[in-house]
Amino acid sequence: MHLSSDDSVLIRVPKHLVVSTHEHPEPYVEAIVVLVNGMYTDVYTKSDGEYYTTTNDDDLIAYLKQFLDEPLK
């Protein structure tokens, strides 16, 4: 289930959940990653060296939140 585009959140994608990284076809996104649970998302690396995604996919958000202790942005 997807939230409305107004409900998109910026969320960190822990690198230990990434099983593969692929080139993204669009120039403004760094990569597409496949996660250990089979989900995939586009990501970019912030200055802290971590992967982040902006998403409105509530299944992905719920999955990633299990591994994070910081609030969503």
PDB file of N, CA and C in Angstrom:
ATOM      1  N   MET A   1       0.833  -1.176   0.000  1.00  0.00           N
ATOM      2  CA  MET A   1       0.000   0.000   0.000  1.00  0.00           C
ATOM      3  C   MET A   1       0.878   1.239   0.000  1.00  0.00           C
ATOM      4  N   HIS A   2       0.460   2.239  -0.746  1.00  0.00           N
ATOM      5  CA  HIS A   2       1.227   3.467  -0.844  1.00  0.00           C
ATOM      6  C   HIS A   2       0.464   4.610  -0.205  1.00  0.00           C
ATOM      7  N   LEU A   3       1.212   5.454   0.462  1.00  0.00           N
ATOM      8  CA  LEU A   3       0.653   6.678   1.002  1.00  0.00           C
ATOM      9  C   LEU A   3       0.565   7.691  -0.134  1.00  0.00           C
ATOM     10  N   SER A   4      -0.090   8.793   0.067  1.00  0.00           N
ATOM     11  CA  SER A   4      -0.104   9.826  -0.969  1.00  0.00           C
ATOM     12  C   SER A   4       1.291  10.421  -1.092  1.00  0.00           C
ATOM     13  N   SER A   5       1.580  11.041  -2.222  1.00  0.00           N
ATOM     14  CA  SER A   5       2.912  11.599  -2.440  1.00  0.00           C
ATOM     15  C   SER A   5       3.255  12.662  -1.400  1.00  0.00           C
ATOM     16  N   ASP A   6       2.232  13.286  -0.808  1.00  0.00           N
ATOM     17  CA  ASP A   6       2.478  14.261   0.248  1.00  0.00           C
ATOM     18  C   ASP A   6       3.009  13.599   1.519  1.00  0.00           C
ATOM     19  N   ASP A   7       2.851  12.294   1.630  1.00  0.00           N
ATOM     20  CA  ASP A   7       3.281  11.565   2.813  1.00  0.00           C
ATOM     21  C   ASP A   7       4.645  10.894   2.634  1.00  0.00           C
ATOM     22  N   SER A   8       5.406  11.302   1.634  1.00  0.00           N
ATOM     23  CA  SER A   8       6.735  10.740   1.428  1.00  0.00           C
ATOM     24  C   SER A   8       7.635  11.111   2.598  1.00  0.00           C
ATOM     25  N   VAL A   9       8.519  10.197   2.928  1.00  0.00           N
ATOM     26  CA  VAL A   9       9.476  10.441   4.002  1.00  0.00           C
ATOM     27  C   VAL A   9      10.887  10.138   3.519  1.00  0.00           C
ATOM     28  N   LEU A  10      11.834  10.824   4.105  1.00  0.00           N
ATOM     29  CA  LEU A  10      13.240  10.545   3.892  1.00  0.00           C
ATOM     30  C   LEU A  10      13.644   9.558   4.975  1.00  0.00           C
ATOM     31  N   ILE A  11      14.201   8.431   4.562  1.00  0.00           N
ATOM     32  CA  ILE A  11      14.563   7.399   5.531  1.00  0.00           C
ATOM     33  C   ILE A  11      15.899   6.772   5.142  1.00  0.00           C
ATOM     34  N   ARG A  12      16.694   6.472   6.159  1.00  0.00           N
ATOM     35  CA  ARG A  12      17.997   5.827   5.935  1.00  0.00           C
ATOM     36  C   ARG A  12      17.790   4.368   5.569  1.00  0.00           C
ATOM     37  N   VAL A  13      18.611   3.893   4.656  1.00  0.00           N
ATOM     38  CA  VAL A  13      18.592   2.492   4.255  1.00  0.00           C
ATOM     39  C   VAL A  13      19.879   1.866   4.789  1.00  0.00           C
ATOM     40  N   PRO A  14      19.798   1.088   5.876  1.00  0.00           N
ATOM     41  CA  PRO A  14      21.011   0.501   6.446  1.00  0.00           C
ATOM     42  C   PRO A  14      21.746  -0.375   5.430  1.00  0.00           C
ATOM     43  N   LYS A  15      23.025  -0.146   5.279  1.00  0.00           N
ATOM     44  CA  LYS A  15      23.801  -0.861   4.269  1.00  0.00           C
ATOM     45  C   LYS A  15      23.852  -2.363   4.515  1.00  0.00           C
ATOM     46  N   HIS A  16      23.693  -2.806   5.756  1.00  0.00           N
ATOM     47  CA  HIS A  16      23.731  -4.248   6.003  1.00  0.00           C
ATOM     48  C   HIS A  16      22.490  -4.959   5.451  1.00  0.00           C
ATOM     49  N   LEU A  17      21.471  -4.191   5.061  1.00  0.00           N
ATOM     50  CA  LEU A  17      20.277  -4.777   4.452  1.00  0.00           C
ATOM     51  C   LEU A  17      20.379  -4.875   2.937  1.00  0.00           C
ATOM     52  N   VAL A  18      21.406  -4.277   2.352  1.00  0.00           N
ATOM     53  CA  VAL A  18      21.561  -4.236   0.897  1.00  0.00           C
ATOM     54  C   VAL A  18      22.308  -5.472   0.414  1.00  0.00           C
ATOM     55  N   VAL A  19      21.683  -6.204  -0.521  1.00  0.00           N
ATOM     56  CA  VAL A  19      22.351  -7.382  -1.092  1.00  0.00           C
ATOM     57  C   VAL A  19      22.960  -7.090  -2.454  1.00  0.00           C
ATOM     58  N   SER A  20      22.425  -6.085  -3.165  1.00  0.00           N
ATOM     59  CA  SER A  20      23.039  -5.697  -4.432  1.00  0.00           C
ATOM     60  C   SER A  20      22.690  -4.253  -4.745  1.00  0.00           C
ATOM     61  N   THR A  21      23.596  -3.633  -5.498  1.00  0.00           N
ATOM     62  CA  THR A  21      23.449  -2.236  -5.899  1.00  0.00           C
ATOM     63  C   THR A  21      23.541  -2.187  -7.416  1.00  0.00           C
ATOM     64  N   HIS A  22      22.649  -1.411  -8.026  1.00  0.00           N
ATOM     65  CA  HIS A  22      22.582  -1.330  -9.483  1.00  0.00           C
ATOM     66  C   HIS A  22      22.533   0.126  -9.922  1.00  0.00           C
ATOM     67  N   GLU A  23      23.076   0.386 -11.110  1.00  0.00           N
ATOM     68  CA  GLU A  23      23.036   1.726 -11.661  1.00  0.00           C
ATOM     69  C   GLU A  23      21.590   2.139 -11.899  1.00  0.00           C
ATOM     70  N   HIS A  24      21.288   3.381 -11.568  1.00  0.00           N
ATOM     71  CA  HIS A  24      19.928   3.900 -11.776  1.00  0.00           C
ATOM     72  C   HIS A  24      19.857   4.514 -13.168  1.00  0.00           C
ATOM     73  N   PRO A  25      18.773   4.297 -13.906  1.00  0.00           N
ATOM     74  CA  PRO A  25      18.672   4.823 -15.268  1.00  0.00           C
ATOM     75  C   PRO A  25      18.488   6.345 -15.338  1.00  0.00           C
ATOM     76  N   GLU A  26      18.132   6.977 -14.229  1.00  0.00           N
ATOM     77  CA  GLU A  26      17.923   8.417 -14.226  1.00  0.00           C
ATOM     78  C   GLU A  26      19.114   9.101 -13.553  1.00  0.00           C
ATOM     79  N   PRO A  27      19.587  10.203 -14.112  1.00  0.00           N
ATOM     80  CA  PRO A  27      20.832  10.815 -13.625  1.00  0.00           C
ATOM     81  C   PRO A  27      20.743  11.455 -12.239  1.00  0.00           C
ATOM     82  N   TYR A  28      19.566  11.780 -11.758  1.00  0.00           N
ATOM     83  CA  TYR A  28      19.458  12.475 -10.471  1.00  0.00           C
ATOM     84  C   TYR A  28      19.357  11.518  -9.280  1.00  0.00           C
ATOM     85  N   VAL A  29      19.366  10.224  -9.541  1.00  0.00           N
ATOM     86  CA  VAL A  29      19.339   9.227  -8.474  1.00  0.00           C
ATOM     87  C   VAL A  29      20.617   8.397  -8.587  1.00  0.00           C
ATOM     88  N   GLU A  30      21.229   8.121  -7.455  1.00  0.00           N
ATOM     89  CA  GLU A  30      22.529   7.444  -7.459  1.00  0.00           C
ATOM     90  C   GLU A  30      22.447   5.979  -7.868  1.00  0.00           C
ATOM     91  N   ALA A  31      21.534   5.233  -7.241  1.00  0.00           N
ATOM     92  CA  ALA A  31      21.518   3.787  -7.475  1.00  0.00           C
ATOM     93  C   ALA A  31      20.166   3.199  -7.089  1.00  0.00           C
ATOM     94  N   ILE A  32      19.965   1.969  -7.510  1.00  0.00           N
ATOM     95  CA  ILE A  32      18.851   1.147  -7.045  1.00  0.00           C
ATOM     96  C   ILE A  32      19.474   0.040  -6.211  1.00  0.00           C
ATOM     97  N   VAL A  33      18.912  -0.212  -5.046  1.00  0.00           N
ATOM     98  CA  VAL A  33      19.417  -1.296  -4.203  1.00  0.00           C
ATOM     99  C   VAL A  33      18.328  -2.343  -3.995  1.00  0.00           C
ATOM    100  N   VAL A  34      18.773  -3.586  -3.886  1.00  0.00           N
ATOM    101  CA  VAL A  34      17.889  -4.696  -3.540  1.00  0.00           C
ATOM    102  C   VAL A  34      18.205  -5.067  -2.099  1.00  0.00           C
ATOM    103  N   LEU A  35      17.165  -5.181  -1.289  1.00  0.00           N
ATOM    104  CA  LEU A  35      17.326  -5.481   0.130  1.00  0.00           C
ATOM    105  C   LEU A  35      17.220  -6.982   0.389  1.00  0.00           C
ATOM    106  N   VAL A  36      17.646  -7.414   1.556  1.00  0.00           N
ATOM    107  CA  VAL A  36      17.658  -8.836   1.892  1.00  0.00           C
ATOM    108  C   VAL A  36      16.269  -9.463   1.845  1.00  0.00           C
ATOM    109  N   ASN A  37      15.231  -8.658   2.012  1.00  0.00           N
ATOM    110  CA  ASN A  37      13.868  -9.207   1.974  1.00  0.00           C
ATOM    111  C   ASN A  37      13.275  -9.183   0.567  1.00  0.00           C
ATOM    112  N   GLY A  38      14.068  -8.790  -0.443  1.00  0.00           N
ATOM    113  CA  GLY A  38      13.604  -8.776  -1.822  1.00  0.00           C
ATOM    114  C   GLY A  38      13.036  -7.444  -2.280  1.00  0.00           C
ATOM    115  N   MET A  39      12.814  -6.526  -1.369  1.00  0.00           N
ATOM    116  CA  MET A  39      12.331  -5.198  -1.751  1.00  0.00           C
ATOM    117  C   MET A  39      13.471  -4.437  -2.426  1.00  0.00           C
ATOM    118  N   TYR A  40      13.094  -3.442  -3.220  1.00  0.00           N
ATOM    119  CA  TYR A  40      14.104  -2.595  -3.834  1.00  0.00           C
ATOM    120  C   TYR A  40      13.651  -1.150  -3.782  1.00  0.00           C
ATOM    121  N   THR A  41      14.642  -0.251  -3.823  1.00  0.00           N
ATOM    122  CA  THR A  41      14.345   1.182  -3.779  1.00  0.00           C
ATOM    123  C   THR A  41      15.515   1.948  -4.373  1.00  0.00           C
ATOM    124  N   ASP A  42      15.246   3.169  -4.802  1.00  0.00           N
ATOM    125  CA  ASP A  42      16.332   4.022  -5.257  1.00  0.00           C
ATOM    126  C   ASP A  42      16.933   4.733  -4.046  1.00  0.00           C
ATOM    127  N   VAL A  43      18.235   4.982  -4.119  1.00  0.00           N
ATOM    128  CA  VAL A  43      18.942   5.582  -2.989  1.00  0.00           C
ATOM    129  C   VAL A  43      19.945   6.615  -3.479  1.00  0.00           C
ATOM    130  N   TYR A  44      20.372   7.441  -2.535  1.00  0.00           N
ATOM    131  CA  TYR A  44      21.510   8.314  -2.747  1.00  0.00           C
ATOM    132  C   TYR A  44      22.290   8.353  -1.443  1.00  0.00           C
ATOM    133  N   THR A  45      23.553   8.711  -1.535  1.00  0.00           N
ATOM    134  CA  THR A  45      24.433   8.772  -0.372  1.00  0.00           C
ATOM    135  C   THR A  45      24.538  10.215   0.093  1.00  0.00           C
ATOM    136  N   LYS A  46      24.264  10.429   1.377  1.00  0.00           N
ATOM    137  CA  LYS A  46      24.413  11.766   1.961  1.00  0.00           C
ATOM    138  C   LYS A  46      25.840  11.931   2.468  1.00  0.00           C
ATOM    139  N   SER A  47      26.155  13.108   2.957  1.00  0.00           N
ATOM    140  CA  SER A  47      27.518  13.421   3.406  1.00  0.00           C
ATOM    141  C   SER A  47      27.984  12.543   4.560  1.00  0.00           C
ATOM    142  N   ASP A  48      27.025  11.899   5.261  1.00  0.00           N
ATOM    143  CA  ASP A  48      27.413  10.995   6.349  1.00  0.00           C
ATOM    144  C   ASP A  48      27.815   9.614   5.846  1.00  0.00           C
ATOM    145  N   GLY A  49      27.760   9.402   4.510  1.00  0.00           N
ATOM    146  CA  GLY A  49      28.166   8.131   3.924  1.00  0.00           C
ATOM    147  C   GLY A  49      27.080   7.062   3.921  1.00  0.00           C
ATOM    148  N   GLU A  50      25.902   7.404   4.413  1.00  0.00           N
ATOM    149  CA  GLU A  50      24.796   6.440   4.492  1.00  0.00           C
ATOM    150  C   GLU A  50      23.872   6.576   3.287  1.00  0.00           C
ATOM    151  N   TYR A  51      23.188   5.478   2.974  1.00  0.00           N
ATOM    152  CA  TYR A  51      22.161   5.497   1.923  1.00  0.00           C
ATOM    153  C   TYR A  51      20.861   6.062   2.476  1.00  0.00           C
ATOM    154  N   TYR A  52      20.153   6.834   1.647  1.00  0.00           N
ATOM    155  CA  TYR A  52      18.837   7.364   1.989  1.00  0.00           C
ATOM    156  C   TYR A  52      17.908   7.207   0.798  1.00  0.00           C
ATOM    157  N   THR A  53      16.622   7.078   1.091  1.00  0.00           N
ATOM    158  CA  THR A  53      15.609   7.072   0.060  1.00  0.00           C
ATOM    159  C   THR A  53      14.456   7.949   0.501  1.00  0.00           C
ATOM    160  N   THR A  54      13.795   8.549  -0.469  1.00  0.00           N
ATOM    161  CA  THR A  54      12.557   9.272  -0.208  1.00  0.00           C
ATOM    162  C   THR A  54      11.450   8.413  -0.790  1.00  0.00           C
ATOM    163  N   THR A  55      10.533   7.974   0.064  1.00  0.00           N
ATOM    164  CA  THR A  55       9.526   7.019  -0.381  1.00  0.00           C
ATOM    165  C   THR A  55       8.183   7.275   0.287  1.00  0.00           C
ATOM    166  N   ASN A  56       7.143   6.804  -0.387  1.00  0.00           N
ATOM    167  CA  ASN A  56       5.805   6.811   0.201  1.00  0.00           C
ATOM    168  C   ASN A  56       5.264   5.388   0.311  1.00  0.00           C
ATOM    169  N   ASP A  57       6.144   4.411   0.135  1.00  0.00           N
ATOM    170  CA  ASP A  57       5.761   3.002   0.220  1.00  0.00           C
ATOM    171  C   ASP A  57       5.728   2.591   1.689  1.00  0.00           C
ATOM    172  N   ASP A  58       4.532   2.424   2.228  1.00  0.00           N
ATOM    173  CA  ASP A  58       4.439   2.163   3.664  1.00  0.00           C
ATOM    174  C   ASP A  58       5.013   0.809   4.065  1.00  0.00           C
ATOM    175  N   ASP A  59       5.032  -0.175   3.165  1.00  0.00           N
ATOM    176  CA  ASP A  59       5.662  -1.464   3.479  1.00  0.00           C
ATOM    177  C   ASP A  59       7.177  -1.298   3.620  1.00  0.00           C
ATOM    178  N   LEU A  60       7.773  -0.540   2.716  1.00  0.00           N
ATOM    179  CA  LEU A  60       9.209  -0.280   2.793  1.00  0.00           C
ATOM    180  C   LEU A  60       9.540   0.529   4.039  1.00  0.00           C
ATOM    181  N   ILE A  61       8.752   1.550   4.319  1.00  0.00           N
ATOM    182  CA  ILE A  61       8.979   2.372   5.515  1.00  0.00           C
ATOM    183  C   ILE A  61       8.903   1.519   6.779  1.00  0.00           C
ATOM    184  N   ALA A  62       7.885   0.688   6.871  1.00  0.00           N
ATOM    185  CA  ALA A  62       7.729  -0.174   8.054  1.00  0.00           C
ATOM    186  C   ALA A  62       8.905  -1.137   8.190  1.00  0.00           C
ATOM    187  N   TYR A  63       9.357  -1.693   7.079  1.00  0.00           N
ATOM    188  CA  TYR A  63      10.493  -2.615   7.114  1.00  0.00           C
ATOM    189  C   TYR A  63      11.752  -1.904   7.591  1.00  0.00           C
ATOM    190  N   LEU A  64      12.064  -0.755   6.995  1.00  0.00           N
ATOM    191  CA  LEU A  64      13.286  -0.037   7.356  1.00  0.00           C
ATOM    192  C   LEU A  64      13.247   0.481   8.789  1.00  0.00           C
ATOM    193  N   LYS A  65      12.083   0.903   9.257  1.00  0.00           N
ATOM    194  CA  LYS A  65      11.963   1.420  10.625  1.00  0.00           C
ATOM    195  C   LYS A  65      12.356   0.391  11.674  1.00  0.00           C
ATOM    196  N   GLN A  66      12.235  -0.886  11.360  1.00  0.00           N
ATOM    197  CA  GLN A  66      12.637  -1.941  12.308  1.00  0.00           C
ATOM    198  C   GLN A  66      14.116  -1.869  12.642  1.00  0.00           C
ATOM    199  N   PHE A  67      14.909  -1.285  11.744  1.00  0.00           N
ATOM    200  CA  PHE A  67      16.361  -1.288  11.880  1.00  0.00           C
ATOM    201  C   PHE A  67      16.928   0.079  12.221  1.00  0.00           C
ATOM    202  N   LEU A  68      16.060   1.060  12.464  1.00  0.00           N
ATOM    203  CA  LEU A  68      16.505   2.423  12.726  1.00  0.00           C
ATOM    204  C   LEU A  68      16.071   2.885  14.096  1.00  0.00           C
ATOM    205  N   ASP A  69      16.898   3.726  14.699  1.00  0.00           N
ATOM    206  CA  ASP A  69      16.492   4.291  15.980  1.00  0.00           C
ATOM    207  C   ASP A  69      16.340   5.803  15.914  1.00  0.00           C
ATOM    208  N   GLU A  70      16.499   6.380  14.708  1.00  0.00           N
ATOM    209  CA  GLU A  70      16.292   7.824  14.568  1.00  0.00           C
ATOM    210  C   GLU A  70      14.903   8.091  13.996  1.00  0.00           C
ATOM    211  N   PRO A  71      14.344   9.262  14.257  1.00  0.00           N
ATOM    212  CA  PRO A  71      13.017   9.584  13.728  1.00  0.00           C
ATOM    213  C   PRO A  71      13.048   9.800  12.221  1.00  0.00           C
ATOM    214  N   LEU A  72      11.903   9.616  11.573  1.00  0.00           N
ATOM    215  CA  LEU A  72      11.789   9.886  10.144  1.00  0.00           C
ATOM    216  C   LEU A  72      11.837  11.381   9.911  1.00  0.00           C
ATOM    217  N   LYS A  73      12.332  11.767   8.750  1.00  0.00           N
ATOM    218  CA  LYS A  73      12.437  13.194   8.421  1.00  0.00           C
ATOM    219  C   LYS A  73      11.396  13.554   7.394  1.00  0.00           C
TER     220      LYS A  73
END
